[in-house]
């Protein structure tokens, strides 16, 4: 095993700031700009791709896990590892975590 990917999948009802209200986009945060070794990826899509109802958006934030995971829930790990990307999604309707 070489590593783990942690991701958050969020349902939101607003555009992500500074994206010019694009209905679909990807933002890549170079690791060095968010205090990480690995890059952080944020992908958002909407009804234009038939994946969410009109006025709703699906946003995915993911990266490689860099810290320890033992004794932590997936939500705790995701919050720690994806925090910089997750702050762009608030408020969220619902969020799911996976590792």
N, C-alpha and C. Protein backbone atom coordinates (compact mmCIF):
# COMPACT_ATOMS: atom_id res chain seq x y z
N UNK A 1 0.85 -1.17 0.00
CA UNK A 1 0.00 0.00 0.00
C UNK A 1 0.89 1.23 0.00
N UNK A 2 0.65 2.13 -0.96
CA UNK A 2 1.50 3.31 -1.09
C UNK A 2 0.85 4.57 -0.57
N UNK A 3 -0.44 4.57 -0.35
CA UNK A 3 -1.12 5.77 0.13
C UNK A 3 -2.61 5.62 0.07
N UNK A 4 -3.29 6.63 0.57
CA UNK A 4 -4.74 6.64 0.56
C UNK A 4 -5.23 7.98 0.05
N UNK A 5 -6.34 7.95 -0.65
CA UNK A 5 -7.00 9.17 -1.11
C UNK A 5 -8.18 9.41 -0.19
N UNK A 6 -8.33 10.64 0.25
CA UNK A 6 -9.50 11.02 1.04
C UNK A 6 -10.29 12.02 0.20
N UNK A 7 -11.61 11.90 0.26
CA UNK A 7 -12.44 12.80 -0.53
C UNK A 7 -13.69 13.18 0.24
N UNK A 8 -14.19 14.35 -0.08
CA UNK A 8 -15.47 14.81 0.42
C UNK A 8 -16.33 15.11 -0.80
N UNK A 9 -17.56 14.63 -0.77
CA UNK A 9 -18.51 14.88 -1.85
C UNK A 9 -19.65 15.67 -1.23
N UNK A 10 -19.84 16.89 -1.71
CA UNK A 10 -20.81 17.78 -1.08
C UNK A 10 -21.89 18.20 -2.06
N UNK A 11 -23.10 18.30 -1.56
CA UNK A 11 -24.22 18.87 -2.30
C UNK A 11 -24.37 20.30 -1.79
N UNK A 12 -24.29 21.26 -2.71
CA UNK A 12 -24.40 22.67 -2.33
C UNK A 12 -25.44 23.35 -3.22
N UNK A 13 -25.89 24.52 -2.80
CA UNK A 13 -26.90 25.24 -3.59
C UNK A 13 -26.42 26.63 -3.99
N UNK A 14 -25.12 26.78 -4.14
CA UNK A 14 -24.55 28.08 -4.50
C UNK A 14 -23.29 27.87 -5.35
N UNK A 15 -22.96 28.90 -6.09
CA UNK A 15 -21.70 28.87 -6.84
C UNK A 15 -20.54 28.96 -5.87
N UNK A 16 -19.42 28.40 -6.24
CA UNK A 16 -18.20 28.56 -5.46
C UNK A 16 -17.61 29.92 -5.80
N UNK A 17 -17.20 30.64 -4.78
CA UNK A 17 -16.69 32.00 -4.96
C UNK A 17 -15.56 32.06 -5.98
N UNK A 18 -15.54 33.16 -6.72
CA UNK A 18 -14.47 33.47 -7.68
C UNK A 18 -14.36 32.49 -8.84
N UNK A 19 -15.46 31.83 -9.19
CA UNK A 19 -15.46 30.93 -10.35
C UNK A 19 -16.28 31.50 -11.50
N UNK A 20 -16.66 32.77 -11.39
CA UNK A 20 -17.46 33.46 -12.42
C UNK A 20 -18.76 32.70 -12.70
N UNK A 21 -19.29 32.06 -11.67
CA UNK A 21 -20.55 31.32 -11.74
C UNK A 21 -20.54 30.25 -12.83
N UNK A 22 -19.37 29.66 -13.05
CA UNK A 22 -19.25 28.56 -14.02
C UNK A 22 -19.99 27.34 -13.47
N UNK A 23 -20.82 26.70 -14.28
CA UNK A 23 -21.58 25.55 -13.80
C UNK A 23 -20.74 24.29 -13.61
N UNK A 24 -19.52 24.28 -14.16
CA UNK A 24 -18.63 23.14 -14.02
C UNK A 24 -17.20 23.67 -14.06
N UNK A 25 -16.37 23.22 -13.11
CA UNK A 25 -14.99 23.69 -13.08
C UNK A 25 -14.14 22.82 -12.15
N UNK A 26 -12.84 22.96 -12.29
CA UNK A 26 -11.89 22.29 -11.40
C UNK A 26 -10.89 23.32 -10.92
N UNK A 27 -10.58 23.25 -9.64
CA UNK A 27 -9.57 24.11 -9.04
C UNK A 27 -8.49 23.19 -8.47
N UNK A 28 -7.26 23.44 -8.82
CA UNK A 28 -6.14 22.67 -8.28
C UNK A 28 -5.32 23.60 -7.40
N UNK A 29 -5.21 23.23 -6.13
CA UNK A 29 -4.41 23.99 -5.18
C UNK A 29 -3.05 23.30 -5.08
N UNK A 30 -1.99 23.92 -5.58
CA UNK A 30 -0.67 23.30 -5.41
C UNK A 30 -0.39 23.11 -3.91
N UNK A 31 0.15 21.97 -3.57
CA UNK A 31 0.39 21.64 -2.16
C UNK A 31 1.09 22.74 -1.39
N UNK A 32 2.07 23.36 -2.00
CA UNK A 32 2.84 24.39 -1.30
C UNK A 32 2.00 25.62 -0.95
N UNK A 33 0.90 25.84 -1.65
CA UNK A 33 0.07 27.01 -1.38
C UNK A 33 -0.95 26.76 -0.28
N UNK A 34 -1.17 25.49 0.09
CA UNK A 34 -2.14 25.17 1.13
C UNK A 34 -1.51 24.41 2.30
N UNK A 35 -0.18 24.53 2.41
CA UNK A 35 0.51 23.92 3.55
C UNK A 35 0.56 22.41 3.51
N UNK A 36 0.63 21.84 2.31
CA UNK A 36 0.65 20.39 2.15
C UNK A 36 1.78 19.99 1.23
N UNK A 37 2.09 18.71 1.22
CA UNK A 37 3.06 18.17 0.26
C UNK A 37 2.37 17.89 -1.06
N UNK A 38 1.16 17.32 -0.98
CA UNK A 38 0.40 16.95 -2.17
C UNK A 38 -0.63 18.01 -2.54
N UNK A 39 -0.97 18.06 -3.81
CA UNK A 39 -1.98 19.00 -4.29
C UNK A 39 -3.36 18.63 -3.77
N UNK A 40 -4.23 19.64 -3.73
CA UNK A 40 -5.62 19.48 -3.31
C UNK A 40 -6.48 19.79 -4.54
N UNK A 41 -7.45 18.92 -4.82
CA UNK A 41 -8.28 19.06 -6.01
C UNK A 41 -9.72 19.33 -5.62
N UNK A 42 -10.33 20.32 -6.27
CA UNK A 42 -11.74 20.61 -6.08
C UNK A 42 -12.40 20.60 -7.44
N UNK A 43 -13.41 19.77 -7.60
CA UNK A 43 -14.16 19.68 -8.85
C UNK A 43 -15.61 19.94 -8.53
N UNK A 44 -16.25 20.78 -9.33
CA UNK A 44 -17.66 21.08 -9.11
C UNK A 44 -18.41 20.92 -10.43
N UNK A 45 -19.59 20.33 -10.36
CA UNK A 45 -20.43 20.15 -11.54
C UNK A 45 -21.89 20.36 -11.14
N UNK A 46 -22.76 20.42 -12.14
CA UNK A 46 -24.14 20.81 -11.84
C UNK A 46 -25.14 20.16 -12.79
N UNK A 47 -26.30 20.76 -12.86
CA UNK A 47 -27.37 20.26 -13.72
C UNK A 47 -26.97 20.25 -15.19
N UNK A 48 -26.00 21.07 -15.57
CA UNK A 48 -25.58 21.10 -16.98
C UNK A 48 -25.03 19.75 -17.43
N UNK A 49 -24.59 18.92 -16.48
CA UNK A 49 -24.10 17.58 -16.79
C UNK A 49 -25.07 16.50 -16.31
N UNK A 50 -26.26 16.93 -15.90
CA UNK A 50 -27.32 16.00 -15.48
C UNK A 50 -26.93 15.17 -14.26
N UNK A 51 -26.17 15.78 -13.33
CA UNK A 51 -25.77 15.06 -12.12
C UNK A 51 -26.41 15.64 -10.86
N UNK A 52 -27.10 16.75 -11.01
CA UNK A 52 -27.75 17.40 -9.87
C UNK A 52 -28.99 18.13 -10.39
N UNK A 53 -29.97 18.34 -9.53
CA UNK A 53 -31.14 19.11 -9.96
C UNK A 53 -30.77 20.57 -10.24
N UNK A 54 -31.58 21.25 -10.98
CA UNK A 54 -31.37 22.66 -11.28
C UNK A 54 -31.19 23.45 -9.98
N UNK A 55 -30.17 24.30 -9.93
CA UNK A 55 -29.91 25.11 -8.74
C UNK A 55 -29.07 24.42 -7.68
N UNK A 56 -28.66 23.18 -7.93
CA UNK A 56 -27.81 22.44 -6.99
C UNK A 56 -26.51 22.06 -7.69
N UNK A 57 -25.46 21.83 -6.90
CA UNK A 57 -24.14 21.52 -7.43
C UNK A 57 -23.53 20.40 -6.62
N UNK A 58 -22.76 19.55 -7.29
CA UNK A 58 -21.96 18.53 -6.61
C UNK A 58 -20.52 18.98 -6.65
N UNK A 59 -19.90 19.01 -5.49
CA UNK A 59 -18.50 19.41 -5.39
C UNK A 59 -17.71 18.27 -4.75
N UNK A 60 -16.57 17.97 -5.32
CA UNK A 60 -15.69 16.92 -4.84
C UNK A 60 -14.36 17.57 -4.45
N UNK A 61 -13.90 17.30 -3.25
CA UNK A 61 -12.59 17.78 -2.81
C UNK A 61 -11.78 16.53 -2.46
N UNK A 62 -10.56 16.42 -2.98
CA UNK A 62 -9.77 15.21 -2.72
C UNK A 62 -8.28 15.51 -2.68
N UNK A 63 -7.56 14.61 -2.02
CA UNK A 63 -6.10 14.67 -1.96
C UNK A 63 -5.59 13.38 -1.34
N UNK A 64 -4.30 13.21 -1.36
CA UNK A 64 -3.67 12.08 -0.68
C UNK A 64 -3.60 12.38 0.81
N UNK A 65 -3.78 11.35 1.62
CA UNK A 65 -3.67 11.49 3.07
C UNK A 65 -2.20 11.65 3.43
N UNK A 66 -1.90 12.67 4.22
CA UNK A 66 -0.52 12.92 4.61
C UNK A 66 -0.25 12.64 6.09
N UNK A 67 -1.26 12.70 6.92
CA UNK A 67 -1.06 12.52 8.36
C UNK A 67 -1.51 11.15 8.83
N UNK A 68 -1.36 10.89 10.12
CA UNK A 68 -1.78 9.61 10.69
C UNK A 68 -3.30 9.46 10.63
N UNK A 69 -3.75 8.22 10.55
CA UNK A 69 -5.19 7.95 10.45
C UNK A 69 -5.73 7.08 11.57
N UNK A 70 -4.86 6.42 12.29
CA UNK A 70 -5.30 5.48 13.32
C UNK A 70 -6.14 6.18 14.39
N UNK A 71 -7.29 5.60 14.67
CA UNK A 71 -8.18 6.11 15.71
C UNK A 71 -9.04 7.28 15.27
N UNK A 72 -8.93 7.71 14.01
CA UNK A 72 -9.71 8.84 13.52
C UNK A 72 -10.81 8.37 12.58
N UNK A 73 -11.93 9.06 12.58
CA UNK A 73 -13.00 8.76 11.63
C UNK A 73 -12.61 9.34 10.27
N UNK A 74 -13.27 8.87 9.23
CA UNK A 74 -13.02 9.40 7.89
C UNK A 74 -13.35 10.89 7.85
N UNK A 75 -14.39 11.30 8.55
CA UNK A 75 -14.75 12.72 8.59
C UNK A 75 -13.64 13.55 9.23
N UNK A 76 -13.05 13.07 10.32
CA UNK A 76 -11.96 13.79 10.98
C UNK A 76 -10.74 13.90 10.06
N UNK A 77 -10.44 12.82 9.36
CA UNK A 77 -9.30 12.82 8.44
C UNK A 77 -9.57 13.78 7.30
N UNK A 78 -10.77 13.73 6.73
CA UNK A 78 -11.12 14.61 5.62
C UNK A 78 -11.07 16.07 6.04
N UNK A 79 -11.58 16.38 7.22
CA UNK A 79 -11.57 17.75 7.71
C UNK A 79 -10.14 18.26 7.84
N UNK A 80 -9.26 17.42 8.35
CA UNK A 80 -7.85 17.81 8.51
C UNK A 80 -7.15 17.95 7.15
N UNK A 81 -7.34 16.99 6.29
CA UNK A 81 -6.60 16.95 5.02
C UNK A 81 -7.17 17.87 3.95
N UNK A 82 -8.48 18.10 3.97
CA UNK A 82 -9.15 18.83 2.90
C UNK A 82 -9.66 20.20 3.33
N UNK A 83 -9.30 20.61 4.52
CA UNK A 83 -9.85 21.82 5.12
C UNK A 83 -9.86 23.05 4.23
N UNK A 84 -8.77 23.31 3.54
CA UNK A 84 -8.69 24.51 2.69
C UNK A 84 -9.73 24.48 1.57
N UNK A 85 -9.98 23.32 1.00
CA UNK A 85 -10.98 23.20 -0.05
C UNK A 85 -12.39 23.20 0.50
N UNK A 86 -12.58 22.57 1.65
CA UNK A 86 -13.91 22.49 2.26
C UNK A 86 -14.45 23.86 2.64
N UNK A 87 -13.58 24.77 3.02
CA UNK A 87 -14.04 26.11 3.40
C UNK A 87 -14.71 26.84 2.25
N UNK A 88 -14.34 26.50 1.01
CA UNK A 88 -14.96 27.14 -0.16
C UNK A 88 -16.38 26.65 -0.40
N UNK A 89 -16.75 25.54 0.19
CA UNK A 89 -18.06 24.93 -0.08
C UNK A 89 -19.16 25.40 0.86
N UNK A 90 -18.81 26.00 1.97
CA UNK A 90 -19.81 26.34 2.98
C UNK A 90 -20.74 27.44 2.50
N UNK A 91 -22.00 27.33 2.84
CA UNK A 91 -22.64 26.25 3.58
C UNK A 91 -22.94 25.06 2.66
N UNK A 92 -22.98 23.88 3.22
CA UNK A 92 -23.30 22.68 2.45
C UNK A 92 -24.67 22.14 2.87
N UNK A 93 -25.35 21.51 1.93
CA UNK A 93 -26.61 20.84 2.24
C UNK A 93 -26.32 19.50 2.87
N UNK A 94 -25.39 18.77 2.25
CA UNK A 94 -25.01 17.44 2.74
C UNK A 94 -23.62 17.13 2.25
N UNK A 95 -22.84 16.47 3.08
CA UNK A 95 -21.49 16.09 2.66
C UNK A 95 -21.24 14.63 3.04
N UNK A 96 -20.58 13.91 2.14
CA UNK A 96 -20.22 12.52 2.34
C UNK A 96 -18.70 12.42 2.29
N UNK A 97 -18.14 11.59 3.15
CA UNK A 97 -16.69 11.43 3.21
C UNK A 97 -16.32 10.00 2.83
N UNK A 98 -15.16 9.86 2.16
CA UNK A 98 -14.71 8.54 1.73
C UNK A 98 -13.19 8.53 1.77
N UNK A 99 -12.63 7.36 2.07
CA UNK A 99 -11.18 7.21 2.05
C UNK A 99 -10.86 5.85 1.48
